[in-house]
Protein backbone atom coordinates (compact mmCIF):
# COMPACT_ATOMS: atom_id res chain seq x y z
CA UNK A 1 0.00 0.00 0.00
CA UNK A 2 2.82 2.43 0.81
CA UNK A 3 4.57 1.58 -2.46
CA UNK A 4 1.39 2.32 -4.41
CA UNK A 5 1.00 5.71 -2.71
CA UNK A 6 4.64 6.54 -3.42
CA UNK A 7 4.23 5.63 -7.09
CA UNK A 8 1.12 7.84 -7.36
CA UNK A 9 3.00 10.72 -5.71
CA UNK A 10 6.01 10.22 -8.02
CA UNK A 11 3.70 10.03 -11.04
CA UNK A 12 1.90 13.18 -9.91
CA UNK A 13 5.20 15.04 -9.50
CA UNK A 14 6.35 13.95 -12.93
CA UNK A 15 3.09 15.12 -14.53
CA UNK A 16 3.33 18.48 -12.75
CA UNK A 17 6.89 18.85 -13.97
CA UNK A 18 5.89 18.14 -17.56
CA UNK A 19 2.92 20.49 -17.23
CA UNK A 20 5.25 23.24 -15.96
CA UNK A 21 7.56 22.65 -18.91
CA UNK A 22 4.62 22.92 -21.33
CA UNK A 23 3.63 26.21 -19.70
CA UNK A 24 7.18 27.51 -20.02
CA UNK A 25 7.27 26.44 -23.67
CA UNK A 26 4.01 28.25 -24.32
CA UNK A 27 5.40 31.45 -22.77
CA UNK A 28 8.62 31.06 -24.80
CA UNK A 29 6.70 30.59 -28.04
CA UNK A 30 4.61 33.69 -27.37
CA UNK A 31 7.76 35.72 -26.66
CA UNK A 32 9.34 34.34 -29.84
CA UNK A 33 6.30 35.29 -31.92
CA UNK A 34 6.28 38.80 -30.46
CA UNK A 35 10.00 39.18 -31.19
CA UNK A 36 9.55 37.90 -34.76
CA UNK A 37 6.69 40.33 -35.36
CA UNK A 38 8.74 43.25 -34.01
CA UNK A 39 11.79 42.28 -36.10
CA UNK A 40 9.61 41.99 -39.21
CA UNK A 41 8.03 45.38 -38.48
CA UNK A 42 11.41 47.08 -38.01
CA UNK A 43 12.85 45.48 -41.15
CA UNK A 44 9.80 46.52 -43.16
CA UNK A 45 10.24 50.11 -41.97
CA UNK A 46 13.77 49.99 -43.39
CA UNK A 47 12.61 48.53 -46.69
CA UNK A 48 13.75 44.96 -46.05
CA UNK A 49 11.05 42.42 -46.72
CA UNK A 50 11.47 39.09 -44.95
CA UNK A 51 8.71 36.73 -43.99
CA UNK A 52 8.44 35.47 -40.43
CA UNK A 53 9.43 32.04 -41.73
CA UNK A 54 12.58 33.46 -43.35
CA UNK A 55 13.48 35.21 -40.11
CA UNK A 56 12.74 32.08 -38.12
CA UNK A 57 14.81 29.76 -40.32
CA UNK A 58 17.57 32.04 -41.60
CA UNK A 59 21.02 32.27 -40.17
CA UNK A 60 21.05 35.46 -38.11
CA UNK A 61 24.50 36.38 -39.41
CA UNK A 62 23.19 36.42 -42.98
CA UNK A 63 20.32 38.69 -41.92
CA UNK A 64 22.78 40.97 -40.11
CA UNK A 65 24.95 41.09 -43.24
CA UNK A 66 21.92 41.99 -45.32
CA UNK A 67 21.08 44.78 -42.87
CA UNK A 68 24.62 46.14 -43.09
CA UNK A 69 24.51 46.08 -46.91
CA UNK A 70 21.19 47.91 -46.91
CA UNK A 71 22.53 50.48 -44.45
CA UNK A 72 25.67 51.05 -46.53
CA UNK A 73 23.62 51.40 -49.71
CA UNK A 74 21.35 53.95 -48.03
CA UNK A 75 24.31 55.94 -46.71
CA UNK A 76 25.86 55.94 -50.18
CA UNK A 77 22.58 57.08 -51.71
CA UNK A 78 22.26 59.86 -49.14
CA UNK A 79 25.83 61.01 -49.87
CA UNK A 80 25.08 61.10 -53.60
CA UNK A 81 21.90 63.06 -52.97
CA UNK A 82 23.73 65.56 -50.73
CA UNK A 83 26.39 65.98 -53.41
CA UNK A 84 23.76 66.65 -56.06
CA UNK A 85 22.01 69.16 -53.82
CA UNK A 86 25.32 70.91 -53.11
CA UNK A 87 26.14 71.12 -56.85
CA UNK A 88 22.67 72.51 -57.52
CA UNK A 89 23.14 75.18 -54.83
CA UNK A 90 26.55 76.05 -56.31
CA UNK A 91 25.00 76.40 -59.77
CA UNK A 92 22.26 78.65 -58.35
CA UNK A 93 24.85 80.81 -56.60
CA UNK A 94 26.93 81.16 -59.75
CA UNK A 95 23.84 82.11 -61.80
CA UNK A 96 22.97 84.89 -59.32
CA UNK A 97 26.37 86.50 -59.70
PDB file of N, CA and C in Angstrom:
ATOM      1  N   UNK A   1       0.803  -1.182   0.000  1.00  0.00           N
ATOM      2  CA  UNK A   1       0.000   0.000   0.000  1.00  0.00           C
ATOM      3  C   UNK A   1       0.859   1.265   0.000  1.00  0.00           C
ATOM      4  N   UNK A   2       1.923   1.286   0.761  1.00  0.00           N
ATOM      5  CA  UNK A   2       2.817   2.435   0.805  1.00  0.00           C
ATOM      6  C   UNK A   2       3.500   2.610  -0.540  1.00  0.00           C
ATOM      7  N   UNK A   3       3.904   1.508  -1.152  1.00  0.00           N
ATOM      8  CA  UNK A   3       4.566   1.577  -2.456  1.00  0.00           C
ATOM      9  C   UNK A   3       3.632   2.165  -3.505  1.00  0.00           C
ATOM     10  N   UNK A   4       2.369   1.794  -3.471  1.00  0.00           N
ATOM     11  CA  UNK A   4       1.386   2.324  -4.414  1.00  0.00           C
ATOM     12  C   UNK A   4       1.197   3.819  -4.234  1.00  0.00           C
ATOM     13  N   UNK A   5       1.145   4.272  -2.981  1.00  0.00           N
ATOM     14  CA  UNK A   5       0.995   5.707  -2.707  1.00  0.00           C
ATOM     15  C   UNK A   5       2.225   6.464  -3.180  1.00  0.00           C
ATOM     16  N   UNK A   6       3.409   5.889  -2.985  1.00  0.00           N
ATOM     17  CA  UNK A   6       4.643   6.543  -3.424  1.00  0.00           C
ATOM     18  C   UNK A   6       4.679   6.655  -4.936  1.00  0.00           C
ATOM     19  N   UNK A   7       4.234   5.600  -5.622  1.00  0.00           N
ATOM     20  CA  UNK A   7       4.226   5.631  -7.089  1.00  0.00           C
ATOM     21  C   UNK A   7       3.261   6.704  -7.590  1.00  0.00           C
ATOM     22  N   UNK A   8       2.088   6.824  -6.948  1.00  0.00           N
ATOM     23  CA  UNK A   8       1.124   7.843  -7.356  1.00  0.00           C
ATOM     24  C   UNK A   8       1.706   9.238  -7.144  1.00  0.00           C
ATOM     25  N   UNK A   9       2.391   9.427  -6.006  1.00  0.00           N
ATOM     26  CA  UNK A   9       2.998  10.724  -5.713  1.00  0.00           C
ATOM     27  C   UNK A   9       4.104  11.031  -6.715  1.00  0.00           C
ATOM     28  N   UNK A  10       4.937  10.041  -7.035  1.00  0.00           N
ATOM     29  CA  UNK A  10       6.009  10.225  -8.021  1.00  0.00           C
ATOM     30  C   UNK A  10       5.417  10.542  -9.384  1.00  0.00           C
ATOM     31  N   UNK A  11       4.370   9.815  -9.754  1.00  0.00           N
ATOM     32  CA  UNK A  11       3.703  10.034 -11.039  1.00  0.00           C
ATOM     33  C   UNK A  11       3.107  11.442 -11.086  1.00  0.00           C
ATOM     34  N   UNK A  12       2.496  11.850  -9.983  1.00  0.00           N
ATOM     35  CA  UNK A  12       1.897  13.176  -9.914  1.00  0.00           C
ATOM     36  C   UNK A  12       2.979  14.250 -10.065  1.00  0.00           C
ATOM     37  N   UNK A  13       4.099  14.078  -9.388  1.00  0.00           N
ATOM     38  CA  UNK A  13       5.198  15.035  -9.495  1.00  0.00           C
ATOM     39  C   UNK A  13       5.739  15.120 -10.910  1.00  0.00           C
ATOM     40  N   UNK A  14       5.854  14.001 -11.556  1.00  0.00           N
ATOM     41  CA  UNK A  14       6.346  13.951 -12.929  1.00  0.00           C
ATOM     42  C   UNK A  14       5.392  14.684 -13.865  1.00  0.00           C
ATOM     43  N   UNK A  15       4.085  14.449 -13.688  1.00  0.00           N
ATOM     44  CA  UNK A  15       3.093  15.123 -14.532  1.00  0.00           C
ATOM     45  C   UNK A  15       3.108  16.627 -14.297  1.00  0.00           C
ATOM     46  N   UNK A  16       3.247  17.054 -13.045  1.00  0.00           N
ATOM     47  CA  UNK A  16       3.325  18.476 -12.754  1.00  0.00           C
ATOM     48  C   UNK A  16       4.564  19.100 -13.393  1.00  0.00           C
ATOM     49  N   UNK A  17       5.656  18.363 -13.354  1.00  0.00           N
ATOM     50  CA  UNK A  17       6.894  18.849 -13.965  1.00  0.00           C
ATOM     51  C   UNK A  17       6.723  19.033 -15.472  1.00  0.00           C
ATOM     52  N   UNK A  18       6.130  18.044 -16.111  1.00  0.00           N
ATOM     53  CA  UNK A  18       5.886  18.140 -17.558  1.00  0.00           C
ATOM     54  C   UNK A  18       4.919  19.278 -17.851  1.00  0.00           C
ATOM     55  N   UNK A  19       3.884  19.414 -17.030  1.00  0.00           N
ATOM     56  CA  UNK A  19       2.920  20.494 -17.229  1.00  0.00           C
ATOM     57  C   UNK A  19       3.608  21.852 -17.094  1.00  0.00           C
ATOM     58  N   UNK A  20       4.497  21.989 -16.123  1.00  0.00           N
ATOM     59  CA  UNK A  20       5.249  23.238 -15.962  1.00  0.00           C
ATOM     60  C   UNK A  20       6.132  23.518 -17.175  1.00  0.00           C
ATOM     61  N   UNK A  21       6.733  22.475 -17.718  1.00  0.00           N
ATOM     62  CA  UNK A  21       7.565  22.646 -18.914  1.00  0.00           C
ATOM     63  C   UNK A  21       6.725  23.070 -20.110  1.00  0.00           C
ATOM     64  N   UNK A  22       5.517  22.495 -20.250  1.00  0.00           N
ATOM     65  CA  UNK A  22       4.623  22.920 -21.328  1.00  0.00           C
ATOM     66  C   UNK A  22       4.234  24.391 -21.170  1.00  0.00           C
ATOM     67  N   UNK A  23       3.975  24.810 -19.948  1.00  0.00           N
ATOM     68  CA  UNK A  23       3.626  26.215 -19.697  1.00  0.00           C
ATOM     69  C   UNK A  23       4.795  27.127 -20.059  1.00  0.00           C
ATOM     70  N   UNK A  24       5.997  26.721 -19.681  1.00  0.00           N
ATOM     71  CA  UNK A  24       7.185  27.513 -20.017  1.00  0.00           C
ATOM     72  C   UNK A  24       7.369  27.582 -21.528  1.00  0.00           C
ATOM     73  N   UNK A  25       7.145  26.473 -22.210  1.00  0.00           N
ATOM     74  CA  UNK A  25       7.266  26.442 -23.665  1.00  0.00           C
ATOM     75  C   UNK A  25       6.243  27.360 -24.316  1.00  0.00           C
ATOM     76  N   UNK A  26       5.052  27.372 -23.778  1.00  0.00           N
ATOM     77  CA  UNK A  26       4.008  28.253 -24.319  1.00  0.00           C
ATOM     78  C   UNK A  26       4.415  29.724 -24.168  1.00  0.00           C
ATOM     79  N   UNK A  27       4.948  30.083 -23.004  1.00  0.00           N
ATOM     80  CA  UNK A  27       5.405  31.455 -22.774  1.00  0.00           C
ATOM     81  C   UNK A  27       6.551  31.785 -23.725  1.00  0.00           C
ATOM     82  N   UNK A  28       7.492  30.858 -23.887  1.00  0.00           N
ATOM     83  CA  UNK A  28       8.620  31.055 -24.796  1.00  0.00           C
ATOM     84  C   UNK A  28       8.131  31.279 -26.218  1.00  0.00           C
ATOM     85  N   UNK A  29       7.201  30.458 -26.675  1.00  0.00           N
ATOM     86  CA  UNK A  29       6.696  30.592 -28.045  1.00  0.00           C
ATOM     87  C   UNK A  29       6.010  31.936 -28.257  1.00  0.00           C
ATOM     88  N   UNK A  30       5.264  32.393 -27.262  1.00  0.00           N
ATOM     89  CA  UNK A  30       4.605  33.693 -27.374  1.00  0.00           C
ATOM     90  C   UNK A  30       5.654  34.809 -27.455  1.00  0.00           C
ATOM     91  N   UNK A  31       6.684  34.719 -26.620  1.00  0.00           N
ATOM     92  CA  UNK A  31       7.760  35.723 -26.658  1.00  0.00           C
ATOM     93  C   UNK A  31       8.478  35.676 -28.002  1.00  0.00           C
ATOM     94  N   UNK A  32       8.685  34.473 -28.539  1.00  0.00           N
ATOM     95  CA  UNK A  32       9.336  34.336 -29.844  1.00  0.00           C
ATOM     96  C   UNK A  32       8.477  34.970 -30.941  1.00  0.00           C
ATOM     97  N   UNK A  33       7.190  34.704 -30.907  1.00  0.00           N
ATOM     98  CA  UNK A  33       6.301  35.287 -31.916  1.00  0.00           C
ATOM     99  C   UNK A  33       6.272  36.808 -31.836  1.00  0.00           C
ATOM    100  N   UNK A  34       6.258  37.345 -30.615  1.00  0.00           N
ATOM    101  CA  UNK A  34       6.283  38.795 -30.459  1.00  0.00           C
ATOM    102  C   UNK A  34       7.596  39.377 -30.992  1.00  0.00           C
ATOM    103  N   UNK A  35       8.702  38.708 -30.702  1.00  0.00           N
ATOM    104  CA  UNK A  35      10.002  39.176 -31.191  1.00  0.00           C
ATOM    105  C   UNK A  35      10.053  39.111 -32.717  1.00  0.00           C
ATOM    106  N   UNK A  36       9.559  38.029 -33.300  1.00  0.00           N
ATOM    107  CA  UNK A  36       9.546  37.901 -34.757  1.00  0.00           C
ATOM    108  C   UNK A  36       8.711  38.996 -35.402  1.00  0.00           C
ATOM    109  N   UNK A  37       7.550  39.268 -34.823  1.00  0.00           N
ATOM    110  CA  UNK A  37       6.688  40.333 -35.362  1.00  0.00           C
ATOM    111  C   UNK A  37       7.388  41.686 -35.289  1.00  0.00           C
ATOM    112  N   UNK A  38       8.051  41.967 -34.179  1.00  0.00           N
ATOM    113  CA  UNK A  38       8.739  43.246 -34.012  1.00  0.00           C
ATOM    114  C   UNK A  38       9.912  43.360 -34.990  1.00  0.00           C
ATOM    115  N   UNK A  39      10.679  42.281 -35.143  1.00  0.00           N
ATOM    116  CA  UNK A  39      11.790  42.282 -36.099  1.00  0.00           C
ATOM    117  C   UNK A  39      11.267  42.540 -37.503  1.00  0.00           C
ATOM    118  N   UNK A  40      10.195  41.826 -37.879  1.00  0.00           N
ATOM    119  CA  UNK A  40       9.612  41.990 -39.212  1.00  0.00           C
ATOM    120  C   UNK A  40       9.148  43.424 -39.416  1.00  0.00           C
ATOM    121  N   UNK A  41       8.514  44.003 -38.402  1.00  0.00           N
ATOM    122  CA  UNK A  41       8.034  45.382 -38.479  1.00  0.00           C
ATOM    123  C   UNK A  41       9.194  46.363 -38.666  1.00  0.00           C
ATOM    124  N   UNK A  42      10.253  46.191 -37.896  1.00  0.00           N
ATOM    125  CA  UNK A  42      11.412  47.078 -38.007  1.00  0.00           C
ATOM    126  C   UNK A  42      12.099  46.937 -39.359  1.00  0.00           C
ATOM    127  N   UNK A  43      12.229  45.710 -39.834  1.00  0.00           N
ATOM    128  CA  UNK A  43      12.850  45.485 -41.145  1.00  0.00           C
ATOM    129  C   UNK A  43      12.011  46.104 -42.256  1.00  0.00           C
ATOM    130  N   UNK A  44      10.701  45.954 -42.150  1.00  0.00           N
ATOM    131  CA  UNK A  44       9.803  46.519 -43.163  1.00  0.00           C
ATOM    132  C   UNK A  44       9.937  48.037 -43.203  1.00  0.00           C
ATOM    133  N   UNK A  45      10.051  48.663 -42.029  1.00  0.00           N
ATOM    134  CA  UNK A  45      10.239  50.110 -41.967  1.00  0.00           C
ATOM    135  C   UNK A  45      11.502  50.539 -42.701  1.00  0.00           C
ATOM    136  N   UNK A  46      12.503  49.675 -42.726  1.00  0.00           N
ATOM    137  CA  UNK A  46      13.774  49.988 -43.389  1.00  0.00           C
ATOM    138  C   UNK A  46      13.820  49.468 -44.823  1.00  0.00           C
ATOM    139  N   UNK A  47      12.683  48.965 -45.311  1.00  0.00           N
ATOM    140  CA  UNK A  47      12.609  48.525 -46.694  1.00  0.00           C
ATOM    141  C   UNK A  47      13.137  47.126 -46.941  1.00  0.00           C
ATOM    142  N   UNK A  48      13.266  46.337 -45.902  1.00  0.00           N
ATOM    143  CA  UNK A  48      13.749  44.961 -46.046  1.00  0.00           C
ATOM    144  C   UNK A  48      12.577  44.031 -45.795  1.00  0.00           C
ATOM    145  N   UNK A  49      12.204  43.310 -46.820  1.00  0.00           N
ATOM    146  CA  UNK A  49      11.054  42.418 -46.715  1.00  0.00           C
ATOM    147  C   UNK A  49      11.519  40.990 -46.471  1.00  0.00           C
ATOM    148  N   UNK A  50      11.219  40.489 -45.295  1.00  0.00           N
ATOM    149  CA  UNK A  50      11.472  39.092 -44.950  1.00  0.00           C
ATOM    150  C   UNK A  50      10.221  38.549 -44.283  1.00  0.00           C
ATOM    151  N   UNK A  51       9.855  37.342 -44.645  1.00  0.00           N
ATOM    152  CA  UNK A  51       8.707  36.729 -43.985  1.00  0.00           C
ATOM    153  C   UNK A  51       9.126  36.247 -42.600  1.00  0.00           C
ATOM    154  N   UNK A  52       8.135  36.003 -41.755  1.00  0.00           N
ATOM    155  CA  UNK A  52       8.443  35.467 -40.432  1.00  0.00           C
ATOM    156  C   UNK A  52       9.173  34.136 -40.553  1.00  0.00           C
ATOM    157  N   UNK A  53       8.781  33.349 -41.538  1.00  0.00           N
ATOM    158  CA  UNK A  53       9.432  32.039 -41.728  1.00  0.00           C
ATOM    159  C   UNK A  53      10.894  32.213 -42.123  1.00  0.00           C
ATOM    160  N   UNK A  54      11.187  33.192 -42.990  1.00  0.00           N
ATOM    161  CA  UNK A  54      12.579  33.460 -43.354  1.00  0.00           C
ATOM    162  C   UNK A  54      13.384  33.895 -42.134  1.00  0.00           C
ATOM    163  N   UNK A  55      12.792  34.752 -41.313  1.00  0.00           N
ATOM    164  CA  UNK A  55      13.479  35.213 -40.113  1.00  0.00           C
ATOM    165  C   UNK A  55      13.695  34.043 -39.166  1.00  0.00           C
ATOM    166  N   UNK A  56      12.682  33.218 -39.037  1.00  0.00           N
ATOM    167  CA  UNK A  56      12.738  32.076 -38.118  1.00  0.00           C
ATOM    168  C   UNK A  56      13.791  31.051 -38.548  1.00  0.00           C
ATOM    169  N   UNK A  57      13.938  30.841 -39.847  1.00  0.00           N
ATOM    170  CA  UNK A  57      14.809  29.760 -40.316  1.00  0.00           C
ATOM    171  C   UNK A  57      16.166  30.235 -40.827  1.00  0.00           C
ATOM    172  N   UNK A  58      16.315  31.531 -41.049  1.00  0.00           N
ATOM    173  CA  UNK A  58      17.569  32.038 -41.596  1.00  0.00           C
ATOM    174  C   UNK A  58      18.661  32.096 -40.539  1.00  0.00           C
ATOM    175  N   UNK A  59      19.864  32.059 -41.031  1.00  0.00           N
ATOM    176  CA  UNK A  59      21.025  32.274 -40.175  1.00  0.00           C
ATOM    177  C   UNK A  59      21.050  33.750 -39.815  1.00  0.00           C
ATOM    178  N   UNK A  60      21.108  34.070 -38.544  1.00  0.00           N
ATOM    179  CA  UNK A  60      21.046  35.457 -38.114  1.00  0.00           C
ATOM    180  C   UNK A  60      22.212  36.271 -38.657  1.00  0.00           C
ATOM    181  N   UNK A  61      23.355  35.649 -38.845  1.00  0.00           N
ATOM    182  CA  UNK A  61      24.500  36.376 -39.405  1.00  0.00           C
ATOM    183  C   UNK A  61      24.210  36.835 -40.832  1.00  0.00           C
ATOM    184  N   UNK A  62      23.510  36.007 -41.609  1.00  0.00           N
ATOM    185  CA  UNK A  62      23.187  36.421 -42.980  1.00  0.00           C
ATOM    186  C   UNK A  62      22.191  37.572 -42.975  1.00  0.00           C
ATOM    187  N   UNK A  63      21.257  37.578 -42.027  1.00  0.00           N
ATOM    188  CA  UNK A  63      20.321  38.694 -41.917  1.00  0.00           C
ATOM    189  C   UNK A  63      21.074  39.951 -41.493  1.00  0.00           C
ATOM    190  N   UNK A  64      21.980  39.821 -40.540  1.00  0.00           N
ATOM    191  CA  UNK A  64      22.779  40.974 -40.109  1.00  0.00           C
ATOM    192  C   UNK A  64      23.598  41.535 -41.274  1.00  0.00           C
ATOM    193  N   UNK A  65      24.169  40.653 -42.074  1.00  0.00           N
ATOM    194  CA  UNK A  65      24.951  41.087 -43.239  1.00  0.00           C
ATOM    195  C   UNK A  65      24.048  41.840 -44.217  1.00  0.00           C
ATOM    196  N   UNK A  66      22.873  41.333 -44.432  1.00  0.00           N
ATOM    197  CA  UNK A  66      21.919  41.988 -45.325  1.00  0.00           C
ATOM    198  C   UNK A  66      21.552  43.377 -44.794  1.00  0.00           C
ATOM    199  N   UNK A  67      21.379  43.483 -43.481  1.00  0.00           N
ATOM    200  CA  UNK A  67      21.081  44.779 -42.872  1.00  0.00           C
ATOM    201  C   UNK A  67      22.230  45.755 -43.076  1.00  0.00           C
ATOM    202  N   UNK A  68      23.450  45.286 -42.893  1.00  0.00           N
ATOM    203  CA  UNK A  68      24.619  46.143 -43.094  1.00  0.00           C
ATOM    204  C   UNK A  68      24.717  46.610 -44.547  1.00  0.00           C
ATOM    205  N   UNK A  69      24.468  45.715 -45.493  1.00  0.00           N
ATOM    206  CA  UNK A  69      24.514  46.077 -46.905  1.00  0.00           C
ATOM    207  C   UNK A  69      23.451  47.131 -47.224  1.00  0.00           C
ATOM    208  N   UNK A  70      22.266  46.944 -46.681  1.00  0.00           N
ATOM    209  CA  UNK A  70      21.190  47.911 -46.907  1.00  0.00           C
ATOM    210  C   UNK A  70      21.563  49.261 -46.314  1.00  0.00           C
ATOM    211  N   UNK A  71      22.120  49.241 -45.107  1.00  0.00           N
ATOM    212  CA  UNK A  71      22.530  50.483 -44.448  1.00  0.00           C
ATOM    213  C   UNK A  71      23.599  51.199 -45.263  1.00  0.00           C
ATOM    214  N   UNK A  72      24.593  50.449 -45.729  1.00  0.00           N
ATOM    215  CA  UNK A  72      25.667  51.051 -46.526  1.00  0.00           C
ATOM    216  C   UNK A  72      25.130  51.620 -47.831  1.00  0.00           C
ATOM    217  N   UNK A  73      24.206  50.906 -48.465  1.00  0.00           N
ATOM    218  CA  UNK A  73      23.616  51.397 -49.710  1.00  0.00           C
ATOM    219  C   UNK A  73      22.840  52.683 -49.463  1.00  0.00           C
ATOM    220  N   UNK A  74      22.109  52.740 -48.361  1.00  0.00           N
ATOM    221  CA  UNK A  74      21.355  53.955 -48.034  1.00  0.00           C
ATOM    222  C   UNK A  74      22.286  55.126 -47.754  1.00  0.00           C
ATOM    223  N   UNK A  75      23.348  54.868 -47.000  1.00  0.00           N
ATOM    224  CA  UNK A  75      24.306  55.936 -46.709  1.00  0.00           C
ATOM    225  C   UNK A  75      24.936  56.454 -47.991  1.00  0.00           C
ATOM    226  N   UNK A  76      25.281  55.551 -48.899  1.00  0.00           N
ATOM    227  CA  UNK A  76      25.860  55.940 -50.180  1.00  0.00           C
ATOM    228  C   UNK A  76      24.859  56.779 -50.973  1.00  0.00           C
ATOM    229  N   UNK A  77      23.616  56.348 -50.996  1.00  0.00           N
ATOM    230  CA  UNK A  77      22.575  57.079 -51.712  1.00  0.00           C
ATOM    231  C   UNK A  77      22.385  58.480 -51.118  1.00  0.00           C
ATOM    232  N   UNK A  78      22.405  58.560 -49.788  1.00  0.00           N
ATOM    233  CA  UNK A  78      22.262  59.863 -49.138  1.00  0.00           C
ATOM    234  C   UNK A  78      23.444  60.774 -49.475  1.00  0.00           C
ATOM    235  N   UNK A  79      24.648  60.222 -49.516  1.00  0.00           N
ATOM    236  CA  UNK A  79      25.829  61.012 -49.875  1.00  0.00           C
ATOM    237  C   UNK A  79      25.720  61.534 -51.301  1.00  0.00           C
ATOM    238  N   UNK A  80      25.269  60.672 -52.213  1.00  0.00           N
ATOM    239  CA  UNK A  80      25.081  61.103 -53.600  1.00  0.00           C
ATOM    240  C   UNK A  80      24.042  62.219 -53.680  1.00  0.00           C
ATOM    241  N   UNK A  81      22.966  62.052 -52.944  1.00  0.00           N
ATOM    242  CA  UNK A  81      21.905  63.057 -52.971  1.00  0.00           C
ATOM    243  C   UNK A  81      22.408  64.386 -52.397  1.00  0.00           C
ATOM    244  N   UNK A  82      23.164  64.328 -51.303  1.00  0.00           N
ATOM    245  CA  UNK A  82      23.726  65.558 -50.733  1.00  0.00           C
ATOM    246  C   UNK A  82      24.680  66.231 -51.719  1.00  0.00           C
ATOM    247  N   UNK A  83      25.468  65.441 -52.414  1.00  0.00           N
ATOM    248  CA  UNK A  83      26.388  65.980 -53.412  1.00  0.00           C
ATOM    249  C   UNK A  83      25.641  66.668 -54.539  1.00  0.00           C
ATOM    250  N   UNK A  84      24.560  66.049 -55.003  1.00  0.00           N
ATOM    251  CA  UNK A  84      23.761  66.650 -56.065  1.00  0.00           C
ATOM    252  C   UNK A  84      23.117  67.949 -55.598  1.00  0.00           C
ATOM    253  N   UNK A  85      22.625  67.945 -54.365  1.00  0.00           N
ATOM    254  CA  UNK A  85      22.009  69.163 -53.824  1.00  0.00           C
ATOM    255  C   UNK A  85      23.051  70.275 -53.690  1.00  0.00           C
ATOM    256  N   UNK A  86      24.247  69.918 -53.254  1.00  0.00           N
ATOM    257  CA  UNK A  86      25.320  70.906 -53.110  1.00  0.00           C
ATOM    258  C   UNK A  86      25.706  71.486 -54.475  1.00  0.00           C
ATOM    259  N   UNK A  87      25.808  70.639 -55.500  1.00  0.00           N
ATOM    260  CA  UNK A  87      26.136  71.115 -56.848  1.00  0.00           C
ATOM    261  C   UNK A  87      25.032  72.038 -57.372  1.00  0.00           C
ATOM    262  N   UNK A  88      23.789  71.683 -57.072  1.00  0.00           N
ATOM    263  CA  UNK A  88      22.666  72.507 -57.516  1.00  0.00           C
ATOM    264  C   UNK A  88      22.720  73.886 -56.845  1.00  0.00           C
ATOM    265  N   UNK A  89      23.022  73.897 -55.540  1.00  0.00           N
ATOM    266  CA  UNK A  89      23.142  75.181 -54.833  1.00  0.00           C
ATOM    267  C   UNK A  89      24.292  76.008 -55.403  1.00  0.00           C
ATOM    268  N   UNK A  90      25.396  75.352 -55.728  1.00  0.00           N
ATOM    269  CA  UNK A  90      26.549  76.055 -56.312  1.00  0.00           C
ATOM    270  C   UNK A  90      26.177  76.662 -57.662  1.00  0.00           C
ATOM    271  N   UNK A  91      25.433  75.903 -58.467  1.00  0.00           N
ATOM    272  CA  UNK A  91      25.000  76.401 -59.771  1.00  0.00           C
ATOM    273  C   UNK A  91      24.076  77.619 -59.592  1.00  0.00           C
ATOM    274  N   UNK A  92      23.175  77.530 -58.602  1.00  0.00           N
ATOM    275  CA  UNK A  92      22.261  78.646 -58.353  1.00  0.00           C
ATOM    276  C   UNK A  92      23.030  79.887 -57.901  1.00  0.00           C
ATOM    277  N   UNK A  93      24.038  79.687 -57.067  1.00  0.00           N
ATOM    278  CA  UNK A  93      24.854  80.810 -56.596  1.00  0.00           C
ATOM    279  C   UNK A  93      25.612  81.453 -57.759  1.00  0.00           C
ATOM    280  N   UNK A  94      26.166  80.603 -58.635  1.00  0.00           N
ATOM    281  CA  UNK A  94      26.933  81.160 -59.754  1.00  0.00           C
ATOM    282  C   UNK A  94      26.022  81.869 -60.753  1.00  0.00           C
ATOM    283  N   UNK A  95      24.782  81.445 -60.896  1.00  0.00           N
ATOM    284  CA  UNK A  95      23.844  82.113 -61.802  1.00  0.00           C
ATOM    285  C   UNK A  95      23.424  83.475 -61.254  1.00  0.00           C
ATOM    286  N   UNK A  96      23.385  83.634 -59.939  1.00  0.00           N
ATOM    287  CA  UNK A  96      22.973  84.894 -59.316  1.00  0.00           C
ATOM    288  C   UNK A  96      24.053  85.964 -59.463  1.00  0.00           C
ATOM    289  N   UNK A  97      25.269  85.548 -59.619  1.00  0.00           N
ATOM    290  CA  UNK A  97      26.372  86.505 -59.701  1.00  0.00           C
ATOM    291  C   UNK A  97      26.402  87.160 -61.014  1.00  0.00           C
TER     292      UNK A  97
END
